[in-house]
Amino acid sequence: MNLANKLTLFRVILVPFFIAALMIPVIPFGTTAALVIFALASITDMLDGKVARKYNMITDLGKFLDPLADKVLVAAALICFIELGWAPAWAVWLIMAREFMVSGIRLVAAGSKEKIVIAANIWGKLKTASTMVAICLILIMHILTGDFGVLTGMPVQPITDVLIYICTFLTALSGIIYLYDYRAVFKGTEH
């Protein structure tokens, strides 16, 4: 396994630590720890692609593993946000439905006669980046109002809602684009 794929795998390994830090109330400054872990995992998302391109380490495994690692990380955060009352379940459901749909398209394409490997497109990358930034901002707001009590009057939930709605919109848009771009996969013809 090359370095780029190891970085991607490291992102997945960080997920349980993120969940524990955010969800176990007895952990001091848990939200702060969760932010640090999430930010580190997000940085590996940028690094693995750069390393793969710079050192010619692009593999089919990496093309599948990278988006999967992103999905696992983002899903963990958003599901925790539902539990904490920070995100509406319908928005997270829509985001997760898109993730399953795109993963299904990738599986169908990979299993086709042509063995098509679908890498993330610009819309998928924009969706992932904006969602990771939104998750970090939401964590920061809760740290400032909760862990440190600096901004006690800050309207955290309305800002969180706007960030979640933006992510939901970009997620739905990128899903529609994937469906349109790879509609030929479902007809049994090459894209």
C-alpha atoms as a PDB file:
ATOM      1  CA  MET A   1       0.000   0.000   0.000  1.00  0.00           C
ATOM      2  CA  ASN A   2       1.449   3.353  -1.023  1.00  0.00           C
ATOM      3  CA  LEU A   3       1.748   6.509   1.121  1.00  0.00           C
ATOM      4  CA  ALA A   4      -1.324   8.198  -0.389  1.00  0.00           C
ATOM      5  CA  ASN A   5      -3.529   5.212   0.444  1.00  0.00           C
ATOM      6  CA  LYS A   6      -2.036   5.019   3.963  1.00  0.00           C
ATOM      7  CA  LEU A   7      -3.014   8.657   4.530  1.00  0.00           C
ATOM      8  CA  THR A   8      -6.544   7.831   3.393  1.00  0.00           C
ATOM      9  CA  LEU A   9      -6.699   4.840   5.739  1.00  0.00           C
ATOM     10  CA  PHE A  10      -5.417   7.019   8.598  1.00  0.00           C
ATOM     11  CA  ARG A  11      -8.430   9.295   8.016  1.00  0.00           C
ATOM     12  CA  VAL A  12     -10.749   6.329   8.602  1.00  0.00           C
ATOM     13  CA  ILE A  13      -8.827   5.288  11.729  1.00  0.00           C
ATOM     14  CA  LEU A  14      -9.340   8.771  13.214  1.00  0.00           C
ATOM     15  CA  VAL A  15     -13.155   8.514  13.000  1.00  0.00           C
ATOM     16  CA  PRO A  16     -13.766   6.521  16.235  1.00  0.00           C
ATOM     17  CA  PHE A  17     -11.507   8.927  18.129  1.00  0.00           C
ATOM     18  CA  PHE A  18     -13.498  11.870  16.755  1.00  0.00           C
ATOM     19  CA  ILE A  19     -16.790  10.252  17.806  1.00  0.00           C
ATOM     20  CA  ALA A  20     -15.491   9.459  21.291  1.00  0.00           C
ATOM     21  CA  ALA A  21     -14.171  12.985  21.826  1.00  0.00           C
ATOM     22  CA  LEU A  22     -17.431  14.576  20.712  1.00  0.00           C
ATOM     23  CA  MET A  23     -19.919  12.198  22.311  1.00  0.00           C
ATOM     24  CA  ILE A  24     -18.420  11.147  25.653  1.00  0.00           C
ATOM     25  CA  PRO A  25     -19.320  13.956  28.044  1.00  0.00           C
ATOM     26  CA  VAL A  26     -16.662  13.155  30.643  1.00  0.00           C
ATOM     27  CA  ILE A  27     -13.839  13.932  28.206  1.00  0.00           C
ATOM     28  CA  PRO A  28     -12.591  17.413  29.147  1.00  0.00           C
ATOM     29  CA  PHE A  29     -12.738  19.826  26.211  1.00  0.00           C
ATOM     30  CA  GLY A  30     -14.169  17.017  24.098  1.00  0.00           C
ATOM     31  CA  THR A  31     -15.503  19.314  21.387  1.00  0.00           C
ATOM     32  CA  THR A  32     -12.086  20.924  21.094  1.00  0.00           C
ATOM     33  CA  ALA A  33     -10.442  17.499  20.821  1.00  0.00           C
ATOM     34  CA  ALA A  34     -13.046  16.489  18.226  1.00  0.00           C
ATOM     35  CA  LEU A  35     -12.244  19.602  16.180  1.00  0.00           C
ATOM     36  CA  VAL A  36      -8.512  18.864  16.253  1.00  0.00           C
ATOM     37  CA  ILE A  37      -9.117  15.264  15.176  1.00  0.00           C
ATOM     38  CA  PHE A  38     -11.575  16.291  12.454  1.00  0.00           C
ATOM     39  CA  ALA A  39      -9.202  18.989  11.157  1.00  0.00           C
ATOM     40  CA  LEU A  40      -6.322  16.494  11.072  1.00  0.00           C
ATOM     41  CA  ALA A  41      -8.490  14.009   9.181  1.00  0.00           C
ATOM     42  CA  SER A  42      -9.553  16.755   6.744  1.00  0.00           C
ATOM     43  CA  ILE A  43      -5.922  17.679   6.129  1.00  0.00           C
ATOM     44  CA  THR A  44      -5.156  14.071   5.192  1.00  0.00           C
ATOM     45  CA  ASP A  45      -7.914  14.405   2.572  1.00  0.00           C
ATOM     46  CA  MET A  46      -5.960  17.193   0.890  1.00  0.00           C
ATOM     47  CA  LEU A  47      -2.598  15.519   1.385  1.00  0.00           C
ATOM     48  CA  ASP A  48      -3.427  12.079   0.011  1.00  0.00           C
ATOM     49  CA  GLY A  49      -4.495  13.517  -3.354  1.00  0.00           C
ATOM     50  CA  LYS A  50      -1.458  15.792  -3.613  1.00  0.00           C
ATOM     51  CA  VAL A  51       0.910  12.965  -2.699  1.00  0.00           C
ATOM     52  CA  ALA A  52      -0.791  10.596  -5.161  1.00  0.00           C
ATOM     53  CA  ARG A  53      -0.508  13.086  -8.034  1.00  0.00           C
ATOM     54  CA  LYS A  54       2.993  14.354  -7.245  1.00  0.00           C
ATOM     55  CA  TYR A  55       4.552  10.908  -6.836  1.00  0.00           C
ATOM     56  CA  ASN A  56       2.383   9.116  -9.408  1.00  0.00           C
ATOM     57  CA  MET A  57       0.672   6.987  -6.751  1.00  0.00           C
ATOM     58  CA  ILE A  58      -2.820   7.170  -8.235  1.00  0.00           C
ATOM     59  CA  THR A  59      -4.418   3.737  -7.957  1.00  0.00           C
ATOM     60  CA  ASP A  60      -7.878   2.294  -8.458  1.00  0.00           C
ATOM     61  CA  LEU A  61      -7.864   1.449  -4.738  1.00  0.00           C
ATOM     62  CA  GLY A  62      -7.189   5.106  -3.938  1.00  0.00           C
ATOM     63  CA  LYS A  63      -9.969   6.269  -6.257  1.00  0.00           C
ATOM     64  CA  PHE A  64     -12.414   4.094  -4.312  1.00  0.00           C
ATOM     65  CA  LEU A  65     -10.925   4.472  -0.830  1.00  0.00           C
ATOM     66  CA  ASP A  66     -10.588   8.286  -0.802  1.00  0.00           C
ATOM     67  CA  PRO A  67     -14.276   9.089  -1.369  1.00  0.00           C
ATOM     68  CA  LEU A  68     -15.254   6.275   1.012  1.00  0.00           C
ATOM     69  CA  ALA A  69     -13.033   7.713   3.760  1.00  0.00           C
ATOM     70  CA  ASP A  70     -14.617  11.128   3.206  1.00  0.00           C
ATOM     71  CA  LYS A  71     -18.087   9.621   3.509  1.00  0.00           C
ATOM     72  CA  VAL A  72     -17.240   7.788   6.730  1.00  0.00           C
ATOM     73  CA  LEU A  73     -15.742  10.922   8.312  1.00  0.00           C
ATOM     74  CA  VAL A  74     -18.561  13.260   7.289  1.00  0.00           C
ATOM     75  CA  ALA A  75     -21.275  10.720   8.159  1.00  0.00           C
ATOM     76  CA  ALA A  76     -19.806  10.239  11.622  1.00  0.00           C
ATOM     77  CA  ALA A  77     -19.805  13.989  12.260  1.00  0.00           C
ATOM     78  CA  LEU A  78     -23.303  14.593  10.927  1.00  0.00           C
ATOM     79  CA  ILE A  79     -24.830  11.649  12.794  1.00  0.00           C
ATOM     80  CA  CYS A  80     -23.216  12.937  15.996  1.00  0.00           C
ATOM     81  CA  PHE A  81     -24.675  16.365  15.197  1.00  0.00           C
ATOM     82  CA  ILE A  82     -28.175  14.837  15.024  1.00  0.00           C
ATOM     83  CA  GLU A  83     -27.652  13.199  18.417  1.00  0.00           C
ATOM     84  CA  LEU A  84     -26.444  16.509  19.881  1.00  0.00           C
ATOM     85  CA  GLY A  85     -29.387  18.411  18.373  1.00  0.00           C
ATOM     86  CA  TRP A  86     -27.129  20.464  16.105  1.00  0.00           C
ATOM     87  CA  ALA A  87     -28.420  19.218  12.712  1.00  0.00           C
ATOM     88  CA  PRO A  88     -31.837  18.231  11.396  1.00  0.00           C
ATOM     89  CA  ALA A  89     -32.201  14.534  10.628  1.00  0.00           C
ATOM     90  CA  TRP A  90     -33.837  15.209   7.222  1.00  0.00           C
ATOM     91  CA  ALA A  91     -30.771  17.128   5.973  1.00  0.00           C
ATOM     92  CA  VAL A  92     -28.385  14.429   7.167  1.00  0.00           C
ATOM     93  CA  TRP A  93     -30.638  11.783   5.587  1.00  0.00           C
ATOM     94  CA  LEU A  94     -30.510  13.634   2.248  1.00  0.00           C
ATOM     95  CA  ILE A  95     -26.731  13.942   2.451  1.00  0.00           C
ATOM     96  CA  MET A  96     -26.369  10.238   3.304  1.00  0.00           C
ATOM     97  CA  ALA A  97     -28.784   9.203   0.546  1.00  0.00           C
ATOM     98  CA  ARG A  98     -26.632  11.046  -1.996  1.00  0.00           C
ATOM     99  CA  GLU A  99     -23.521   9.316  -0.646  1.00  0.00           C
ATOM    100  CA  PHE A 100     -25.108   5.871  -1.003  1.00  0.00           C
ATOM    101  CA  MET A 101     -26.365   6.742  -4.484  1.00  0.00           C
ATOM    102  CA  VAL A 102     -22.934   7.849  -5.725  1.00  0.00           C
ATOM    103  CA  SER A 103     -21.302   4.792  -4.134  1.00  0.00           C
ATOM    104  CA  GLY A 104     -23.872   2.641  -5.931  1.00  0.00           C
ATOM    105  CA  ILE A 105     -23.078   4.315  -9.249  1.00  0.00           C
ATOM    106  CA  ARG A 106     -19.388   3.643  -8.637  1.00  0.00           C
ATOM    107  CA  LEU A 107     -20.059  -0.028  -7.881  1.00  0.00           C
ATOM    108  CA  VAL A 108     -22.220  -0.488 -10.974  1.00  0.00           C
ATOM    109  CA  ALA A 109     -19.589   1.237 -13.125  1.00  0.00           C
ATOM    110  CA  ALA A 110     -16.754  -0.837 -11.671  1.00  0.00           C
ATOM    111  CA  GLY A 111     -18.716  -4.036 -12.237  1.00  0.00           C
ATOM    112  CA  SER A 112     -19.536  -3.178 -15.849  1.00  0.00           C
ATOM    113  CA  LYS A 113     -17.818  -4.757 -18.861  1.00  0.00           C
ATOM    114  CA  GLU A 114     -15.767  -1.592 -19.277  1.00  0.00           C
ATOM    115  CA  LYS A 115     -14.669  -1.637 -15.569  1.00  0.00           C
ATOM    116  CA  ILE A 116     -15.183   2.126 -15.288  1.00  0.00           C
ATOM    117  CA  VAL A 117     -13.575   3.725 -12.235  1.00  0.00           C
ATOM    118  CA  ILE A 118     -15.360   6.919 -11.294  1.00  0.00           C
ATOM    119  CA  ALA A 119     -13.131   9.360  -9.462  1.00  0.00           C
ATOM    120  CA  ALA A 120     -14.561  12.343  -7.598  1.00  0.00           C
ATOM    121  CA  ASN A 121     -15.426  15.227  -9.913  1.00  0.00           C
ATOM    122  CA  ILE A 122     -15.134  18.933  -9.101  1.00  0.00           C
ATOM    123  CA  TRP A 123     -18.698  19.027  -7.712  1.00  0.00           C
ATOM    124  CA  GLY A 124     -18.027  16.103  -5.412  1.00  0.00           C
ATOM    125  CA  LYS A 125     -14.811  17.733  -4.222  1.00  0.00           C
ATOM    126  CA  LEU A 126     -16.595  21.066  -3.667  1.00  0.00           C
ATOM    127  CA  LYS A 127     -19.330  19.275  -1.729  1.00  0.00           C
ATOM    128  CA  THR A 128     -16.773  17.476   0.435  1.00  0.00           C
ATOM    129  CA  ALA A 129     -14.658  20.577   1.072  1.00  0.00           C
ATOM    130  CA  SER A 130     -17.656  22.764   1.943  1.00  0.00           C
ATOM    131  CA  THR A 131     -19.073  20.092   4.251  1.00  0.00           C
ATOM    132  CA  MET A 132     -15.749  19.654   6.054  1.00  0.00           C
ATOM    133  CA  VAL A 133     -15.391  23.425   6.468  1.00  0.00           C
ATOM    134  CA  ALA A 134     -18.981  23.680   7.730  1.00  0.00           C
ATOM    135  CA  ILE A 135     -18.400  20.892  10.252  1.00  0.00           C
ATOM    136  CA  CYS A 136     -15.257  22.655  11.501  1.00  0.00           C
ATOM    137  CA  LEU A 137     -17.106  25.987  11.809  1.00  0.00           C
ATOM    138  CA  ILE A 138     -19.957  24.344  13.706  1.00  0.00           C
ATOM    139  CA  LEU A 139     -17.487  22.721  16.090  1.00  0.00           C
ATOM    140  CA  ILE A 140     -15.655  26.045  16.547  1.00  0.00           C
ATOM    141  CA  MET A 141     -18.907  27.833  17.402  1.00  0.00           C
ATOM    142  CA  HIS A 142     -19.775  25.188  20.001  1.00  0.00           C
ATOM    143  CA  ILE A 143     -16.259  25.366  21.424  1.00  0.00           C
ATOM    144  CA  LEU A 144     -16.450  29.151  21.775  1.00  0.00           C
ATOM    145  CA  THR A 145     -19.892  29.072  23.360  1.00  0.00           C
ATOM    146  CA  GLY A 146     -19.524  25.806  25.314  1.00  0.00           C
ATOM    147  CA  ASP A 147     -15.999  24.625  26.101  1.00  0.00           C
ATOM    148  CA  PHE A 148     -14.643  28.130  26.628  1.00  0.00           C
ATOM    149  CA  GLY A 149     -17.810  30.204  27.075  1.00  0.00           C
ATOM    150  CA  VAL A 150     -16.313  33.125  25.140  1.00  0.00           C
ATOM    151  CA  LEU A 151     -19.274  33.924  22.881  1.00  0.00           C
ATOM    152  CA  THR A 152     -22.204  33.133  25.119  1.00  0.00           C
ATOM    153  CA  GLY A 153     -24.669  35.307  23.176  1.00  0.00           C
ATOM    154  CA  MET A 154     -23.780  33.933  19.741  1.00  0.00           C
ATOM    155  CA  PRO A 155     -26.788  32.568  17.787  1.00  0.00           C
ATOM    156  CA  VAL A 156     -25.132  29.199  17.162  1.00  0.00           C
ATOM    157  CA  GLN A 157     -28.148  27.206  15.980  1.00  0.00           C
ATOM    158  CA  PRO A 158     -29.319  29.596  13.229  1.00  0.00           C
ATOM    159  CA  ILE A 159     -25.763  29.795  11.867  1.00  0.00           C
ATOM    160  CA  THR A 160     -25.432  26.009  12.105  1.00  0.00           C
ATOM    161  CA  ASP A 161     -28.723  25.599  10.242  1.00  0.00           C
ATOM    162  CA  VAL A 162     -27.536  27.849   7.394  1.00  0.00           C
ATOM    163  CA  LEU A 163     -24.258  25.918   7.122  1.00  0.00           C
ATOM    164  CA  ILE A 164     -26.102  22.571   7.084  1.00  0.00           C
ATOM    165  CA  TYR A 165     -28.558  23.859   4.441  1.00  0.00           C
ATOM    166  CA  ILE A 166     -25.684  25.020   2.208  1.00  0.00           C
ATOM    167  CA  CYS A 167     -24.032  21.600   2.542  1.00  0.00           C
ATOM    168  CA  THR A 168     -27.331  19.873   1.809  1.00  0.00           C
ATOM    169  CA  PHE A 169     -27.879  21.962  -1.314  1.00  0.00           C
ATOM    170  CA  LEU A 170     -24.350  21.335  -2.643  1.00  0.00           C
ATOM    171  CA  THR A 171     -24.677  17.642  -1.827  1.00  0.00           C
ATOM    172  CA  ALA A 172     -27.978  17.334  -3.693  1.00  0.00           C
ATOM    173  CA  LEU A 173     -26.614  19.311  -6.652  1.00  0.00           C
ATOM    174  CA  SER A 174     -23.481  17.168  -6.916  1.00  0.00           C
ATOM    175  CA  GLY A 175     -25.629  14.022  -6.687  1.00  0.00           C
ATOM    176  CA  ILE A 176     -27.833  15.186  -9.556  1.00  0.00           C
ATOM    177  CA  ILE A 177     -24.723  15.954 -11.612  1.00  0.00           C
ATOM    178  CA  TYR A 178     -23.294  12.474 -10.918  1.00  0.00           C
ATOM    179  CA  LEU A 179     -26.579  10.878 -11.950  1.00  0.00           C
ATOM    180  CA  TYR A 180     -26.651  12.870 -15.162  1.00  0.00           C
ATOM    181  CA  ASP A 181     -22.954  12.399 -16.027  1.00  0.00           C
ATOM    182  CA  TYR A 182     -23.033   8.638 -15.482  1.00  0.00           C
ATOM    183  CA  ARG A 183     -26.546   7.823 -16.693  1.00  0.00           C
ATOM    184  CA  ALA A 184     -24.978   5.679 -19.430  1.00  0.00           C
ATOM    185  CA  VAL A 185     -23.692   3.274 -16.743  1.00  0.00           C
ATOM    186  CA  PHE A 186     -27.283   2.241 -16.066  1.00  0.00           C
ATOM    187  CA  LYS A 187     -27.966   1.665 -19.759  1.00  0.00           C
ATOM    188  CA  GLY A 188     -25.047  -0.735 -20.023  1.00  0.00           C
ATOM    189  CA  THR A 189     -23.024   1.543 -22.296  1.00  0.00           C
ATOM    190  CA  GLU A 190     -19.683   3.159 -21.686  1.00  0.00           C
ATOM    191  CA  HIS A 191     -19.617   6.751 -20.444  1.00  0.00           C
END
